[in-house]
């Protein structure tokens, strides 16, 4: 077949591209293994070309890096710093992932429609930090029922019953940092009364 050499070259280039995508995102083999369920040795052999790539191996890797599958098969555009993501709808809210690499903390921008007003508290493992960009957010957390405006934030253990939705006539835009294993945010701030050095 006339295109056989091109296929051979494309297959031979997958290993180096896998390594380039992973190292560009500062992801260790151990972290990628935990995110995909593929052993470190298999990932290492894929990157070195000692293991032939298959769809069963490439799909979980692409999902963990949150990149299109073709980025692993064709040369990735490493120089482009933008995060290219596909928004998805969950219970009427629009979620836009802001992180590409598998890591303990994931960042999202969320747009919650004004129709989402009926509390339906849920619980799950993790820790969440919310920051309101625009609109008014109603947060039901255990026995608390509070409204947050632009510039306000909340952090909570998601094992507490929680729900959030619109408290106004328009949509609410928020940033969400979520740690699925209960990781908390660490904020650093200069103590009051201390002069700048």
C-alpha atoms as a PDB file:
ATOM      1  CA  UNK A   1       0.000   0.000   0.000  1.00  0.00           C
ATOM      2  CA  UNK A   2       1.281   3.463  -0.877  1.00  0.00           C
ATOM      3  CA  UNK A   3       0.356   5.019   2.485  1.00  0.00           C
ATOM      4  CA  UNK A   4       1.994   2.280   4.578  1.00  0.00           C
ATOM      5  CA  UNK A   5       5.205   4.310   5.279  1.00  0.00           C
ATOM      6  CA  UNK A   6       3.066   7.239   6.502  1.00  0.00           C
ATOM      7  CA  UNK A   7       1.149   4.937   8.847  1.00  0.00           C
ATOM      8  CA  UNK A   8       4.414   3.456  10.122  1.00  0.00           C
ATOM      9  CA  UNK A   9       5.837   6.950  10.750  1.00  0.00           C
ATOM     10  CA  UNK A  10       2.631   8.061  12.494  1.00  0.00           C
ATOM     11  CA  UNK A  11       2.652   5.007  14.768  1.00  0.00           C
ATOM     12  CA  UNK A  12       6.362   5.459  15.550  1.00  0.00           C
ATOM     13  CA  UNK A  13       5.729   9.070  16.570  1.00  0.00           C
ATOM     14  CA  UNK A  14       2.998   8.292  19.125  1.00  0.00           C
ATOM     15  CA  UNK A  15       5.402   7.400  21.956  1.00  0.00           C
ATOM     16  CA  UNK A  16       7.396  10.660  21.811  1.00  0.00           C
ATOM     17  CA  UNK A  17       4.146  12.651  21.526  1.00  0.00           C
ATOM     18  CA  UNK A  18       2.702  10.906  24.600  1.00  0.00           C
ATOM     19  CA  UNK A  19       5.817  11.846  26.556  1.00  0.00           C
ATOM     20  CA  UNK A  20       5.812  15.422  25.209  1.00  0.00           C
ATOM     21  CA  UNK A  21       2.164  15.985  26.173  1.00  0.00           C
ATOM     22  CA  UNK A  22       2.722  14.524  29.656  1.00  0.00           C
ATOM     23  CA  UNK A  23       5.946  16.415  30.419  1.00  0.00           C
ATOM     24  CA  UNK A  24       4.553  19.686  29.020  1.00  0.00           C
ATOM     25  CA  UNK A  25       1.739  19.403  31.567  1.00  0.00           C
ATOM     26  CA  UNK A  26       4.179  18.518  34.388  1.00  0.00           C
ATOM     27  CA  UNK A  27       2.408  15.196  35.001  1.00  0.00           C
ATOM     28  CA  UNK A  28       4.375  12.285  36.448  1.00  0.00           C
ATOM     29  CA  UNK A  29       3.971   8.714  35.235  1.00  0.00           C
ATOM     30  CA  UNK A  30       2.589   7.858  38.683  1.00  0.00           C
ATOM     31  CA  UNK A  31      -0.093  10.581  38.446  1.00  0.00           C
ATOM     32  CA  UNK A  32      -1.058   9.527  34.928  1.00  0.00           C
ATOM     33  CA  UNK A  33      -1.193   5.894  36.034  1.00  0.00           C
ATOM     34  CA  UNK A  34      -3.536   6.820  38.907  1.00  0.00           C
ATOM     35  CA  UNK A  35      -5.765   8.840  36.555  1.00  0.00           C
ATOM     36  CA  UNK A  36      -5.980   6.199  33.800  1.00  0.00           C
ATOM     37  CA  UNK A  37      -5.648   2.879  35.603  1.00  0.00           C
ATOM     38  CA  UNK A  38      -2.790   1.964  33.241  1.00  0.00           C
ATOM     39  CA  UNK A  39       0.352   0.714  34.983  1.00  0.00           C
ATOM     40  CA  UNK A  40       3.453   2.931  35.108  1.00  0.00           C
ATOM     41  CA  UNK A  41       5.477   0.287  33.270  1.00  0.00           C
ATOM     42  CA  UNK A  42       2.950   0.126  30.407  1.00  0.00           C
ATOM     43  CA  UNK A  43       2.908   3.930  30.150  1.00  0.00           C
ATOM     44  CA  UNK A  44       6.702   4.014  30.141  1.00  0.00           C
ATOM     45  CA  UNK A  45       6.888   1.350  27.416  1.00  0.00           C
ATOM     46  CA  UNK A  46       4.301   3.248  25.336  1.00  0.00           C
ATOM     47  CA  UNK A  47       6.383   6.434  25.548  1.00  0.00           C
ATOM     48  CA  UNK A  48       9.613   4.627  24.645  1.00  0.00           C
ATOM     49  CA  UNK A  49       7.983   2.802  21.706  1.00  0.00           C
ATOM     50  CA  UNK A  50       8.468  -0.641  23.280  1.00  0.00           C
ATOM     51  CA  UNK A  51       4.677  -1.103  23.517  1.00  0.00           C
ATOM     52  CA  UNK A  52       2.375  -0.657  20.534  1.00  0.00           C
ATOM     53  CA  UNK A  53      -0.328   1.960  21.069  1.00  0.00           C
ATOM     54  CA  UNK A  54      -3.939   0.817  20.956  1.00  0.00           C
ATOM     55  CA  UNK A  55      -7.266   2.620  21.219  1.00  0.00           C
ATOM     56  CA  UNK A  56      -7.853   1.005  24.645  1.00  0.00           C
ATOM     57  CA  UNK A  57      -4.665   2.650  25.932  1.00  0.00           C
ATOM     58  CA  UNK A  58      -4.849   5.967  24.078  1.00  0.00           C
ATOM     59  CA  UNK A  59      -8.471   6.837  24.996  1.00  0.00           C
ATOM     60  CA  UNK A  60      -7.929   6.887  28.809  1.00  0.00           C
ATOM     61  CA  UNK A  61      -4.709   8.888  28.331  1.00  0.00           C
ATOM     62  CA  UNK A  62      -6.465  11.462  26.128  1.00  0.00           C
ATOM     63  CA  UNK A  63      -9.306  11.718  28.665  1.00  0.00           C
ATOM     64  CA  UNK A  64      -6.867  12.155  31.576  1.00  0.00           C
ATOM     65  CA  UNK A  65      -5.030  14.954  29.740  1.00  0.00           C
ATOM     66  CA  UNK A  66      -8.379  16.353  28.509  1.00  0.00           C
ATOM     67  CA  UNK A  67      -7.071  16.589  24.943  1.00  0.00           C
ATOM     68  CA  UNK A  68      -8.544  15.304  21.677  1.00  0.00           C
ATOM     69  CA  UNK A  69      -7.343  11.840  20.702  1.00  0.00           C
ATOM     70  CA  UNK A  70      -5.831  13.225  17.496  1.00  0.00           C
ATOM     71  CA  UNK A  71      -3.434  15.361  19.562  1.00  0.00           C
ATOM     72  CA  UNK A  72      -1.770  12.136  20.703  1.00  0.00           C
ATOM     73  CA  UNK A  73      -1.632  10.756  17.173  1.00  0.00           C
ATOM     74  CA  UNK A  74      -0.504  13.940  15.396  1.00  0.00           C
ATOM     75  CA  UNK A  75       2.050  16.440  16.641  1.00  0.00           C
ATOM     76  CA  UNK A  76       0.595  18.458  19.559  1.00  0.00           C
ATOM     77  CA  UNK A  77       0.667  22.238  19.461  1.00  0.00           C
ATOM     78  CA  UNK A  78       2.699  22.595  22.658  1.00  0.00           C
ATOM     79  CA  UNK A  79       3.365  26.301  22.120  1.00  0.00           C
ATOM     80  CA  UNK A  80      -0.334  27.188  22.470  1.00  0.00           C
ATOM     81  CA  UNK A  81      -1.020  27.901  26.182  1.00  0.00           C
ATOM     82  CA  UNK A  82      -4.796  28.113  25.788  1.00  0.00           C
ATOM     83  CA  UNK A  83      -6.994  25.475  27.376  1.00  0.00           C
ATOM     84  CA  UNK A  84      -9.296  24.071  24.686  1.00  0.00           C
ATOM     85  CA  UNK A  85     -12.244  22.418  26.361  1.00  0.00           C
ATOM     86  CA  UNK A  86     -15.745  21.348  25.466  1.00  0.00           C
ATOM     87  CA  UNK A  87     -18.469  22.769  27.736  1.00  0.00           C
ATOM     88  CA  UNK A  88     -20.913  20.199  29.077  1.00  0.00           C
ATOM     89  CA  UNK A  89     -24.326  20.491  30.709  1.00  0.00           C
ATOM     90  CA  UNK A  90     -25.104  18.822  34.027  1.00  0.00           C
ATOM     91  CA  UNK A  91     -28.509  19.345  35.657  1.00  0.00           C
ATOM     92  CA  UNK A  92     -29.036  22.475  33.556  1.00  0.00           C
ATOM     93  CA  UNK A  93     -25.702  24.089  34.534  1.00  0.00           C
ATOM     94  CA  UNK A  94     -22.875  24.582  32.027  1.00  0.00           C
ATOM     95  CA  UNK A  95     -19.440  23.328  33.132  1.00  0.00           C
ATOM     96  CA  UNK A  96     -16.216  24.445  31.422  1.00  0.00           C
ATOM     97  CA  UNK A  97     -13.073  22.646  32.638  1.00  0.00           C
ATOM     98  CA  UNK A  98     -10.132  25.039  33.107  1.00  0.00           C
ATOM     99  CA  UNK A  99      -7.465  22.406  33.813  1.00  0.00           C
ATOM    100  CA  UNK A 100      -6.097  19.875  31.343  1.00  0.00           C
ATOM    101  CA  UNK A 101      -3.707  17.745  33.362  1.00  0.00           C
ATOM    102  CA  UNK A 102      -4.773  15.076  35.839  1.00  0.00           C
ATOM    103  CA  UNK A 103      -4.162  16.488  39.294  1.00  0.00           C
ATOM    104  CA  UNK A 104      -5.834  16.396  42.720  1.00  0.00           C
ATOM    105  CA  UNK A 105      -7.507  19.797  42.219  1.00  0.00           C
ATOM    106  CA  UNK A 106      -9.672  20.539  39.188  1.00  0.00           C
ATOM    107  CA  UNK A 107     -10.840  24.029  38.164  1.00  0.00           C
ATOM    108  CA  UNK A 108     -14.143  24.779  36.431  1.00  0.00           C
ATOM    109  CA  UNK A 109     -16.112  27.796  35.326  1.00  0.00           C
ATOM    110  CA  UNK A 110     -19.815  27.186  35.856  1.00  0.00           C
ATOM    111  CA  UNK A 111     -22.843  29.047  34.539  1.00  0.00           C
ATOM    112  CA  UNK A 112     -25.985  28.303  36.513  1.00  0.00           C
ATOM    113  CA  UNK A 113     -29.288  29.277  34.837  1.00  0.00           C
ATOM    114  CA  UNK A 114     -31.885  31.395  36.692  1.00  0.00           C
ATOM    115  CA  UNK A 115     -34.348  28.482  36.493  1.00  0.00           C
ATOM    116  CA  UNK A 116     -32.256  26.443  38.951  1.00  0.00           C
ATOM    117  CA  UNK A 117     -33.941  27.607  42.164  1.00  0.00           C
ATOM    118  CA  UNK A 118     -35.264  24.456  43.864  1.00  0.00           C
ATOM    119  CA  UNK A 119     -32.727  23.056  46.375  1.00  0.00           C
ATOM    120  CA  UNK A 120     -31.809  19.397  45.898  1.00  0.00           C
ATOM    121  CA  UNK A 121     -28.897  18.839  48.338  1.00  0.00           C
ATOM    122  CA  UNK A 122     -26.383  16.107  47.488  1.00  0.00           C
ATOM    123  CA  UNK A 123     -23.311  14.623  49.185  1.00  0.00           C
ATOM    124  CA  UNK A 124     -20.105  13.162  47.737  1.00  0.00           C
ATOM    125  CA  UNK A 125     -16.421  12.866  48.580  1.00  0.00           C
ATOM    126  CA  UNK A 126     -14.296  15.968  48.201  1.00  0.00           C
ATOM    127  CA  UNK A 127     -13.799  19.610  49.063  1.00  0.00           C
ATOM    128  CA  UNK A 128     -15.056  22.553  47.013  1.00  0.00           C
ATOM    129  CA  UNK A 129     -14.178  26.242  46.815  1.00  0.00           C
ATOM    130  CA  UNK A 130     -16.590  28.563  44.985  1.00  0.00           C
ATOM    131  CA  UNK A 131     -15.981  32.156  43.854  1.00  0.00           C
ATOM    132  CA  UNK A 132     -18.846  34.224  42.406  1.00  0.00           C
ATOM    133  CA  UNK A 133     -17.916  36.087  39.216  1.00  0.00           C
ATOM    134  CA  UNK A 134     -21.352  37.564  38.444  1.00  0.00           C
ATOM    135  CA  UNK A 135     -24.951  37.200  39.561  1.00  0.00           C
ATOM    136  CA  UNK A 136     -26.195  36.050  42.969  1.00  0.00           C
ATOM    137  CA  UNK A 137     -25.509  32.520  44.152  1.00  0.00           C
ATOM    138  CA  UNK A 138     -27.728  30.758  46.660  1.00  0.00           C
ATOM    139  CA  UNK A 139     -25.762  28.177  48.634  1.00  0.00           C
ATOM    140  CA  UNK A 140     -27.582  25.626  50.781  1.00  0.00           C
ATOM    141  CA  UNK A 141     -25.066  23.876  53.018  1.00  0.00           C
ATOM    142  CA  UNK A 142     -26.422  21.656  55.768  1.00  0.00           C
ATOM    143  CA  UNK A 143     -28.638  23.928  57.890  1.00  0.00           C
ATOM    144  CA  UNK A 144     -27.223  27.111  56.334  1.00  0.00           C
ATOM    145  CA  UNK A 145     -28.890  28.969  53.480  1.00  0.00           C
ATOM    146  CA  UNK A 146     -26.784  31.920  52.267  1.00  0.00           C
ATOM    147  CA  UNK A 147     -26.593  34.224  49.257  1.00  0.00           C
ATOM    148  CA  UNK A 148     -23.213  35.181  47.787  1.00  0.00           C
ATOM    149  CA  UNK A 149     -22.621  38.103  45.455  1.00  0.00           C
ATOM    150  CA  UNK A 150     -19.792  38.903  43.030  1.00  0.00           C
ATOM    151  CA  UNK A 151     -16.376  38.706  44.692  1.00  0.00           C
ATOM    152  CA  UNK A 152     -17.572  36.472  47.533  1.00  0.00           C
ATOM    153  CA  UNK A 153     -16.328  32.922  48.063  1.00  0.00           C
ATOM    154  CA  UNK A 154     -17.202  29.813  50.063  1.00  0.00           C
ATOM    155  CA  UNK A 155     -15.310  26.626  50.880  1.00  0.00           C
ATOM    156  CA  UNK A 156     -16.908  23.449  52.191  1.00  0.00           C
ATOM    157  CA  UNK A 157     -16.583  19.706  52.655  1.00  0.00           C
ATOM    158  CA  UNK A 158     -18.814  18.098  50.007  1.00  0.00           C
ATOM    159  CA  UNK A 159     -19.718  15.296  52.417  1.00  0.00           C
ATOM    160  CA  UNK A 160     -22.134  17.867  53.905  1.00  0.00           C
ATOM    161  CA  UNK A 161     -25.485  18.049  52.077  1.00  0.00           C
ATOM    162  CA  UNK A 162     -25.078  20.961  49.646  1.00  0.00           C
ATOM    163  CA  UNK A 163     -26.751  22.633  46.695  1.00  0.00           C
ATOM    164  CA  UNK A 164     -26.259  25.896  44.856  1.00  0.00           C
ATOM    165  CA  UNK A 165     -28.332  27.777  42.332  1.00  0.00           C
ATOM    166  CA  UNK A 166     -29.494  31.210  41.278  1.00  0.00           C
ATOM    167  CA  UNK A 167     -30.761  33.715  43.829  1.00  0.00           C
ATOM    168  CA  UNK A 168     -31.613  36.348  41.217  1.00  0.00           C
ATOM    169  CA  UNK A 169     -33.321  36.841  37.890  1.00  0.00           C
ATOM    170  CA  UNK A 170     -30.273  36.084  35.772  1.00  0.00           C
ATOM    171  CA  UNK A 171     -27.650  33.355  35.520  1.00  0.00           C
ATOM    172  CA  UNK A 172     -24.803  33.003  38.025  1.00  0.00           C
ATOM    173  CA  UNK A 173     -21.198  32.609  36.880  1.00  0.00           C
ATOM    174  CA  UNK A 174     -18.786  31.017  39.343  1.00  0.00           C
ATOM    175  CA  UNK A 175     -15.297  29.580  39.505  1.00  0.00           C
ATOM    176  CA  UNK A 176     -15.078  26.218  41.227  1.00  0.00           C
ATOM    177  CA  UNK A 177     -11.980  24.463  42.549  1.00  0.00           C
ATOM    178  CA  UNK A 178     -12.787  20.872  43.431  1.00  0.00           C
ATOM    179  CA  UNK A 179     -10.614  18.320  45.187  1.00  0.00           C
ATOM    180  CA  UNK A 180     -12.147  14.869  44.810  1.00  0.00           C
ATOM    181  CA  UNK A 181     -10.071  13.460  47.668  1.00  0.00           C
ATOM    182  CA  UNK A 182     -10.829  16.273  50.109  1.00  0.00           C
ATOM    183  CA  UNK A 183      -7.868  18.524  49.293  1.00  0.00           C
ATOM    184  CA  UNK A 184      -8.363  21.988  50.745  1.00  0.00           C
ATOM    185  CA  UNK A 185      -7.357  25.292  49.215  1.00  0.00           C
ATOM    186  CA  UNK A 186      -4.367  27.042  50.776  1.00  0.00           C
ATOM    187  CA  UNK A 187      -4.587  30.815  50.638  1.00  0.00           C
ATOM    188  CA  UNK A 188      -1.585  32.942  51.469  1.00  0.00           C
ATOM    189  CA  UNK A 189      -2.079  36.512  52.539  1.00  0.00           C
ATOM    190  CA  UNK A 190       0.043  39.159  54.225  1.00  0.00           C
ATOM    191  CA  UNK A 191      -1.016  39.649  57.891  1.00  0.00           C
ATOM    192  CA  UNK A 192      -2.739  42.951  58.703  1.00  0.00           C
ATOM    193  CA  UNK A 193      -0.502  45.755  59.844  1.00  0.00           C
ATOM    194  CA  UNK A 194       2.624  44.300  58.255  1.00  0.00           C
ATOM    195  CA  UNK A 195       4.398  46.643  55.893  1.00  0.00           C
ATOM    196  CA  UNK A 196       5.441  45.519  52.443  1.00  0.00           C
ATOM    197  CA  UNK A 197       9.076  44.496  52.220  1.00  0.00           C
END
